[in-house]
Amino acid sequence: MKLKLGFFTQPVHPPTRVYGDVLQEDREAVVLADRLGFDEAFIGEHLADSAETITSSLAFIASLADRCPSIALGTGVLALPNYHPVMAAAQVAMVDHLVGGRLLLGVGPGVPPDAEAIGDTGVDRNRKLLEAIEHLLALWTRAAPYRIEGQFYRTTTERSLNPDIGVGIVVKPLQVPHPPIVITSIRPDSAGPRMAGSRDWTGISASYVGAHVVRSHIARYAAGRAEAGLSSDTAGWRLARSIFVAEDQATTLRYAHSEDGPYGFYSRVMMTKLAVFGGLGLMLDHPEQQDVELSLKRTLQRLVIAGTPESVADQLLALRRDVGPFGTLLYTGHDWADRALSRRSMELMANEVWPRVAAATD
């Protein structure tokens, strides 16, 4: 199975940074990924979070349409329960046209702080997500007028339809029948990977989950495909990982494994968020590990892949042997506390690490 290289940014920045500066930095990172030949880039979104500061993944992707001519661009994820399906369907279709049919539609239920902010607590947002997906697919495949009703949403254009002037007709994506659908997952027992496999969708294991979680995701994805009569090929599964590459080992330890550095800040943020719902165990390599492995120091050592190009390539190949055959590695973007080192890490990843990895996995 040929392994592909992608990019993923939530992003996570210190809230004290100037907002316009981090937006420009995040755009620059994706532009660099495109120039370096990364296959795809996923962009996160949050509504009420001054550290994860991209509030609309679709708007962010649209801003890159003319600057990124080659890379596929994905929402990572579009929290569909925060939108009415017509709004999401129309905006996704428009952006797919703006990027020339290179949009990947990553979807998810969204996070609790955003649900609270918009007054959408107390509902099953996973069920709401699935209903929203079905509405999107109906809007993109059925002819107007629409009458689509569910538990959470209702869509109709029966009274307003006027095909002579285009009223009451939702625009369709450039990709037929729609952009590829991608789900994300963080729990080992999640139903998402199996469902994604059964529907011929693809998926992502988050960058901050341990090996036992990823292993479960890949196995469930393969099982879902097999149950649906599809090949059990797991090329459609992606693994995001925090990675830092430098010419010397001392620099990697100072920058990527420092508790006060950007990787330390990212890990501390994610640990704090996971702790709210008792999810710190998701960061362990296996469930039986002792709690000492959840110290910030050990978390950085276990979950951040850092080193020289040869060392990082060896670590990535060992990871793939451990968790199973995923199809795409997503290099996770972090705050550019040191702009030169951060850019250089991406360059080394593409130009020196990836040829080694690709040669060993072809």
Protein backbone atom coordinates (compact mmCIF):
# COMPACT_ATOMS: atom_id res chain seq x y z
CA MET A 1 0.00 0.00 0.00
CA LYS A 2 1.47 3.33 -1.09
CA LEU A 3 1.55 5.73 1.87
CA LYS A 4 0.52 9.36 1.32
CA LEU A 5 1.63 12.47 3.21
CA GLY A 6 -0.88 15.06 4.39
CA PHE A 7 -1.18 17.97 6.80
CA PHE A 8 -3.63 18.65 9.62
CA THR A 9 -4.04 21.78 11.68
CA GLN A 10 -6.62 22.33 14.42
CA PRO A 11 -4.77 24.80 15.01
CA VAL A 12 -3.65 25.45 18.61
CA HIS A 13 -1.96 28.77 19.44
CA PRO A 14 -1.36 30.62 22.71
CA PRO A 15 -4.45 32.82 23.22
CA THR A 16 -2.17 35.80 23.86
CA ARG A 17 -1.00 35.93 20.23
CA VAL A 18 -2.39 38.51 17.81
CA TYR A 19 -5.31 36.89 15.99
CA GLY A 20 -4.42 38.18 12.53
CA ASP A 21 -0.86 36.92 12.92
CA VAL A 22 -1.90 33.34 13.68
CA LEU A 23 -4.38 33.28 10.81
CA GLN A 24 -1.65 34.37 8.43
CA GLU A 25 0.73 31.80 9.92
CA ASP A 26 -1.79 29.00 9.48
CA ARG A 27 -2.40 30.02 5.87
CA GLU A 28 1.34 30.10 5.25
CA ALA A 29 1.70 26.57 6.63
CA VAL A 30 -0.87 25.18 4.20
CA VAL A 31 0.68 27.08 1.29
CA LEU A 32 4.05 25.57 2.22
CA ALA A 33 2.51 22.09 2.39
CA ASP A 34 1.14 22.60 -1.13
CA ARG A 35 4.52 23.76 -2.42
CA LEU A 36 6.28 20.80 -0.82
CA GLY A 37 3.97 18.27 -2.46
CA PHE A 38 1.80 17.20 0.48
CA ASP A 39 -1.25 15.37 -0.87
CA GLU A 40 -3.91 16.96 1.34
CA ALA A 41 -4.47 19.38 4.22
CA PHE A 42 -7.27 19.35 6.78
CA ILE A 43 -8.39 22.47 8.63
CA GLY A 44 -10.17 22.40 11.99
CA GLU A 45 -12.83 24.81 13.23
CA HIS A 46 -14.13 25.95 16.61
CA LEU A 47 -16.58 28.71 17.48
CA ALA A 48 -15.77 29.50 21.11
CA ASP A 49 -12.04 28.88 21.53
CA SER A 50 -9.35 31.57 21.50
CA ALA A 51 -6.56 28.97 21.18
CA GLU A 52 -8.10 26.97 18.30
CA THR A 53 -8.85 30.06 16.28
CA ILE A 54 -10.17 29.03 12.87
CA THR A 55 -13.91 29.62 13.22
CA SER A 56 -14.87 28.42 9.74
CA SER A 57 -12.88 25.73 7.96
CA LEU A 58 -14.77 26.43 4.72
CA ALA A 59 -13.99 30.16 4.79
CA PHE A 60 -10.34 29.40 5.55
CA ILE A 61 -10.14 26.93 2.65
CA ALA A 62 -11.80 29.43 0.31
CA SER A 63 -9.10 31.95 1.23
CA LEU A 64 -6.48 29.48 -0.05
CA ALA A 65 -8.15 28.61 -3.35
CA ASP A 66 -5.81 30.70 -5.50
CA ARG A 67 -2.68 30.13 -3.40
CA CYS A 68 -2.79 26.32 -3.27
CA PRO A 69 -3.14 24.97 -6.81
CA SER A 70 -2.43 21.28 -6.14
CA ILE A 71 -3.20 20.09 -2.62
CA ALA A 72 -6.60 18.63 -1.67
CA LEU A 73 -8.20 20.72 1.09
CA GLY A 74 -10.39 19.22 3.78
CA THR A 75 -12.64 20.44 6.58
CA GLY A 76 -11.31 18.89 9.74
CA VAL A 77 -14.06 18.89 10.70
CA LEU A 78 -17.22 20.70 9.68
CA ALA A 79 -19.38 20.37 12.79
CA LEU A 80 -22.64 19.71 10.97
CA PRO A 81 -24.90 19.91 14.06
CA ASN A 82 -23.96 23.61 14.24
CA TYR A 83 -25.49 24.24 10.80
CA HIS A 84 -28.78 23.76 9.04
CA PRO A 85 -28.19 21.21 6.25
CA VAL A 86 -29.15 23.68 3.51
CA MET A 87 -26.56 26.13 4.76
CA ALA A 88 -23.88 23.45 4.91
CA ALA A 89 -24.81 21.89 1.55
CA ALA A 90 -24.74 25.22 -0.27
CA GLN A 91 -21.46 26.38 1.27
CA VAL A 92 -19.71 23.06 0.74
CA ALA A 93 -20.81 23.02 -2.90
CA MET A 94 -19.55 26.56 -3.49
CA VAL A 95 -16.14 25.87 -1.91
CA ASP A 96 -15.76 22.64 -3.88
CA HIS A 97 -16.13 24.71 -7.05
CA LEU A 98 -13.73 27.39 -5.78
CA VAL A 99 -10.97 24.78 -5.23
CA GLY A 100 -11.61 22.97 -8.49
CA GLY A 101 -13.11 19.80 -7.04
CA ARG A 102 -10.34 19.25 -4.49
CA LEU A 103 -12.50 19.52 -1.37
CA LEU A 104 -12.58 16.73 1.23
CA LEU A 105 -15.64 16.87 3.47
CA GLY A 106 -14.55 16.06 7.00
CA VAL A 107 -17.56 16.01 9.31
CA GLY A 108 -18.14 15.54 13.03
CA PRO A 109 -20.54 16.30 15.89
CA GLY A 110 -18.56 19.27 17.16
CA VAL A 111 -17.27 19.96 20.67
CA PRO A 112 -19.25 20.63 23.86
CA PRO A 113 -18.14 24.27 24.34
CA ASP A 114 -19.47 25.18 20.89
CA ALA A 115 -22.71 23.29 21.54
CA GLU A 116 -23.14 25.21 24.78
CA ALA A 117 -22.40 28.52 23.07
CA ILE A 118 -25.17 28.03 20.50
CA GLY A 119 -27.66 26.55 22.97
CA ASP A 120 -27.58 23.04 21.51
CA THR A 121 -26.90 20.98 24.63
CA GLY A 122 -29.08 18.10 25.75
CA VAL A 123 -29.41 16.56 22.29
CA ASP A 124 -27.71 13.52 20.78
CA ARG A 125 -25.32 15.34 18.48
CA ASN A 126 -24.06 12.09 16.94
CA ARG A 127 -27.61 11.29 15.78
CA LYS A 128 -28.00 14.88 14.68
CA LEU A 129 -24.76 14.56 12.67
CA LEU A 130 -25.98 11.44 10.86
CA GLU A 131 -29.30 13.09 10.04
CA ALA A 132 -27.49 16.17 8.72
CA ILE A 133 -25.35 13.98 6.44
CA GLU A 134 -28.44 12.28 5.04
CA HIS A 135 -30.02 15.68 4.35
CA LEU A 136 -26.86 16.87 2.56
CA LEU A 137 -26.77 13.78 0.38
CA ALA A 138 -30.45 14.19 -0.45
CA LEU A 139 -29.99 17.84 -1.39
CA TRP A 140 -27.11 16.95 -3.70
CA THR A 141 -28.77 13.98 -5.40
CA ARG A 142 -32.50 14.76 -5.56
CA ALA A 143 -34.28 17.15 -7.88
CA ALA A 144 -36.10 20.17 -6.48
CA PRO A 145 -38.51 20.85 -4.93
CA TYR A 146 -37.22 19.31 -1.74
CA ARG A 147 -39.19 17.95 1.19
CA ILE A 148 -36.79 16.39 3.66
CA GLU A 149 -37.89 15.88 7.22
CA GLY A 150 -36.21 14.33 10.24
CA GLN A 151 -35.98 14.54 14.00
CA PHE A 152 -33.76 17.63 14.00
CA TYR A 153 -34.14 19.29 10.61
CA ARG A 154 -36.79 20.13 8.05
CA THR A 155 -36.05 21.34 4.53
CA THR A 156 -38.54 22.29 1.83
CA THR A 157 -38.59 24.56 -1.21
CA GLU A 158 -42.04 23.50 -2.46
CA ARG A 159 -43.64 26.93 -2.19
CA SER A 160 -40.69 28.93 -3.50
CA LEU A 161 -39.56 26.74 -6.41
CA ASN A 162 -39.23 28.58 -9.71
CA PRO A 163 -36.86 26.65 -11.96
CA ASP A 164 -37.05 29.25 -14.74
CA ILE A 165 -35.06 31.66 -12.57
CA GLY A 166 -33.28 29.10 -10.38
CA VAL A 167 -35.11 29.82 -7.13
CA GLY A 168 -35.54 26.93 -4.67
CA ILE A 169 -32.69 24.85 -6.13
CA VAL A 170 -29.59 24.13 -4.02
CA VAL A 171 -26.31 24.28 -5.97
CA LYS A 172 -24.41 21.00 -6.25
CA PRO A 173 -20.70 20.32 -5.68
CA LEU A 174 -18.30 20.02 -8.59
CA GLN A 175 -17.45 16.47 -7.52
CA VAL A 176 -20.21 14.01 -8.41
CA PRO A 177 -22.15 13.02 -6.44
CA HIS A 178 -20.31 14.90 -3.65
CA PRO A 179 -16.86 15.46 -2.09
CA PRO A 180 -15.38 12.43 -0.32
CA ILE A 181 -16.72 12.18 3.24
CA VAL A 182 -14.21 11.86 6.08
CA ILE A 183 -14.90 11.24 9.77
CA THR A 184 -12.60 11.71 12.78
CA SER A 185 -12.38 9.50 15.82
CA ILE A 186 -10.72 9.55 19.23
CA ARG A 187 -12.26 6.61 21.16
CA PRO A 188 -11.20 2.99 20.65
CA ASP A 189 -14.80 1.77 20.87
CA SER A 190 -16.22 4.43 18.57
CA ALA A 191 -18.80 3.31 16.02
CA GLY A 192 -17.47 5.87 13.56
CA PRO A 193 -14.66 3.87 11.90
CA ARG A 194 -16.88 0.83 11.29
CA MET A 195 -19.66 3.02 9.88
CA ALA A 196 -17.18 4.91 7.68
CA GLY A 197 -15.83 1.65 6.32
CA SER A 198 -19.29 0.27 5.60
CA ARG A 199 -20.26 3.41 3.65
CA ASP A 200 -16.98 3.64 1.73
CA TRP A 201 -16.05 6.86 3.52
CA THR A 202 -12.60 7.51 4.98
CA GLY A 203 -11.38 8.58 8.42
CA ILE A 204 -8.76 10.09 10.69
CA SER A 205 -7.32 9.06 14.04
CA ALA A 206 -6.50 12.19 16.04
CA SER A 207 -2.89 13.17 16.68
CA TYR A 208 -3.15 12.95 20.48
CA VAL A 209 -4.51 9.39 20.87
CA GLY A 210 -2.32 6.44 21.77
CA ALA A 211 -1.41 3.41 19.71
CA HIS A 212 -4.13 1.15 21.14
CA VAL A 213 -6.79 3.63 19.99
CA VAL A 214 -5.37 3.85 16.47
CA ARG A 215 -5.08 0.08 16.24
CA SER A 216 -8.76 -0.26 17.11
CA HIS A 217 -9.79 2.38 14.58
CA ILE A 218 -7.99 0.64 11.73
CA ALA A 219 -9.39 -2.77 12.64
CA ARG A 220 -12.95 -1.43 12.93
CA TYR A 221 -12.62 0.42 9.63
CA ALA A 222 -11.49 -2.77 7.87
CA ALA A 223 -14.31 -4.74 9.51
CA GLY A 224 -16.92 -2.21 8.38
CA ARG A 225 -15.71 -2.42 4.80
CA ALA A 226 -15.72 -6.21 4.85
CA GLU A 227 -19.24 -6.33 6.31
CA ALA A 228 -20.45 -4.12 3.45
CA GLY A 229 -18.91 -6.39 0.84
CA LEU A 230 -16.06 -3.99 0.11
CA SER A 231 -12.37 -4.83 0.15
CA SER A 232 -10.82 -4.74 3.62
CA ASP A 233 -8.17 -2.34 2.29
CA THR A 234 -7.42 0.35 4.89
CA ALA A 235 -5.84 2.89 2.53
CA GLY A 236 -8.72 5.21 3.38
CA TRP A 237 -7.67 5.55 7.02
CA ARG A 238 -5.43 8.44 8.10
CA LEU A 239 -3.30 8.92 11.18
CA ALA A 240 -2.42 12.41 12.42
CA ARG A 241 0.78 12.78 14.42
CA SER A 242 2.83 15.58 16.00
CA ILE A 243 6.18 15.52 14.18
CA PHE A 244 9.29 17.67 14.33
CA VAL A 245 12.38 17.18 12.16
CA ALA A 246 15.73 18.95 12.49
CA GLU A 247 19.28 18.37 11.33
CA ASP A 248 20.50 17.59 14.85
CA GLN A 249 19.06 15.72 17.81
CA ALA A 250 19.76 18.50 20.31
CA THR A 251 17.47 20.90 18.45
CA THR A 252 14.64 18.36 18.32
CA LEU A 253 14.80 17.75 22.07
CA ARG A 254 14.93 21.45 22.85
CA TYR A 255 12.03 22.41 20.58
CA ALA A 256 9.68 19.42 20.39
CA HIS A 257 10.13 17.77 23.80
CA SER A 258 10.28 20.92 25.90
CA GLU A 259 7.28 21.35 28.20
CA ASP A 260 7.47 25.11 27.57
CA GLY A 261 7.64 24.84 23.79
CA PRO A 262 4.85 24.79 21.18
CA TYR A 263 4.51 20.99 21.29
CA GLY A 264 4.33 21.16 25.06
CA PHE A 265 1.63 23.84 24.86
CA TYR A 266 -0.38 21.77 22.38
CA SER A 267 -0.15 18.65 24.53
CA ARG A 268 -1.11 20.55 27.68
CA VAL A 269 -4.18 21.99 25.95
CA MET A 270 -5.33 18.62 24.69
CA MET A 271 -4.69 16.93 28.04
CA THR A 272 -6.75 19.60 29.80
CA LYS A 273 -9.64 19.18 27.36
CA LEU A 274 -9.61 15.39 27.52
CA ALA A 275 -9.52 15.44 31.32
CA VAL A 276 -12.87 17.25 31.40
CA PHE A 277 -14.68 14.08 30.29
CA GLY A 278 -12.26 11.55 31.80
CA GLY A 279 -10.53 10.90 28.50
CA LEU A 280 -6.85 11.08 29.46
CA GLY A 281 -6.54 7.33 29.02
CA LEU A 282 -6.99 7.86 25.29
CA MET A 283 -3.44 9.26 25.22
CA LEU A 284 -1.87 6.08 26.60
CA ASP A 285 -0.10 3.58 24.34
CA HIS A 286 -2.16 0.80 25.92
CA PRO A 287 -4.91 0.92 28.57
CA GLU A 288 -2.83 -0.84 31.24
CA GLN A 289 -0.10 1.80 31.32
CA GLN A 290 0.44 3.56 34.63
CA ASP A 291 -0.69 7.13 35.20
CA VAL A 292 2.94 8.31 35.31
CA GLU A 293 2.87 7.94 31.52
CA LEU A 294 0.38 10.82 31.45
CA SER A 295 2.84 13.37 32.78
CA LEU A 296 3.46 16.12 30.26
CA LYS A 297 7.08 15.05 29.91
CA ARG A 298 6.24 11.43 29.14
CA THR A 299 3.33 12.41 26.88
CA LEU A 300 5.68 14.48 24.74
CA GLN A 301 8.20 11.65 24.60
CA ARG A 302 5.56 9.10 23.64
CA LEU A 303 3.32 11.04 21.24
CA VAL A 304 5.66 13.50 19.52
CA ILE A 305 7.79 11.93 16.81
CA ALA A 306 10.97 14.01 16.77
CA GLY A 307 14.52 13.62 15.54
CA THR A 308 16.76 13.79 12.53
CA PRO A 309 15.33 12.76 9.15
CA GLU A 310 16.65 9.21 9.42
CA SER A 311 15.39 8.84 12.99
CA VAL A 312 11.93 10.21 12.20
CA ALA A 313 11.60 7.90 9.19
CA ASP A 314 12.51 4.91 11.38
CA GLN A 315 10.00 5.98 14.05
CA LEU A 316 7.21 6.38 11.49
CA LEU A 317 7.83 2.97 9.98
CA ALA A 318 7.86 1.41 13.45
CA LEU A 319 4.58 3.16 14.27
CA ARG A 320 2.92 1.79 11.14
CA ARG A 321 4.11 -1.72 11.93
CA ASP A 322 2.67 -1.32 15.43
CA VAL A 323 -0.79 0.10 14.70
CA GLY A 324 -1.52 -1.33 11.27
CA PRO A 325 -1.58 -0.25 7.62
CA PHE A 326 -3.09 3.24 7.48
CA GLY A 327 -2.99 4.96 4.09
CA THR A 328 -2.11 8.58 4.89
CA LEU A 329 0.08 10.18 7.55
CA LEU A 330 -1.07 13.66 8.54
CA TYR A 331 1.72 15.93 9.78
CA THR A 332 0.08 18.00 12.51
CA GLY A 333 0.63 21.74 12.40
CA HIS A 334 1.65 23.53 15.59
CA ASP A 335 2.29 27.10 16.65
CA TRP A 336 5.36 28.50 14.88
CA ALA A 337 7.11 29.69 18.04
CA ASP A 338 10.27 29.54 15.95
CA ARG A 339 9.22 30.25 12.38
CA ALA A 340 12.48 29.12 10.77
CA LEU A 341 12.60 25.80 12.65
CA SER A 342 8.93 25.10 11.95
CA ARG A 343 9.26 25.71 8.23
CA ARG A 344 12.48 23.74 8.08
CA SER A 345 10.81 20.79 9.81
CA MET A 346 8.15 20.63 7.10
CA GLU A 347 10.81 20.89 4.39
CA LEU A 348 12.85 18.08 5.92
CA MET A 349 9.70 16.00 6.32
CA ALA A 350 8.84 16.29 2.63
CA ASN A 351 12.32 16.17 1.13
CA GLU A 352 14.29 13.82 3.38
CA VAL A 353 11.96 11.85 5.65
CA TRP A 354 9.24 11.03 3.15
CA PRO A 355 11.45 9.52 0.42
CA ARG A 356 12.79 7.08 3.04
CA VAL A 357 9.27 6.20 4.22
CA ALA A 358 7.88 5.91 0.71
CA ALA A 359 10.70 3.62 -0.41
CA ALA A 360 10.04 1.31 2.53
CA THR A 361 6.25 1.16 2.03
CA ASP A 362 5.88 0.87 -1.76
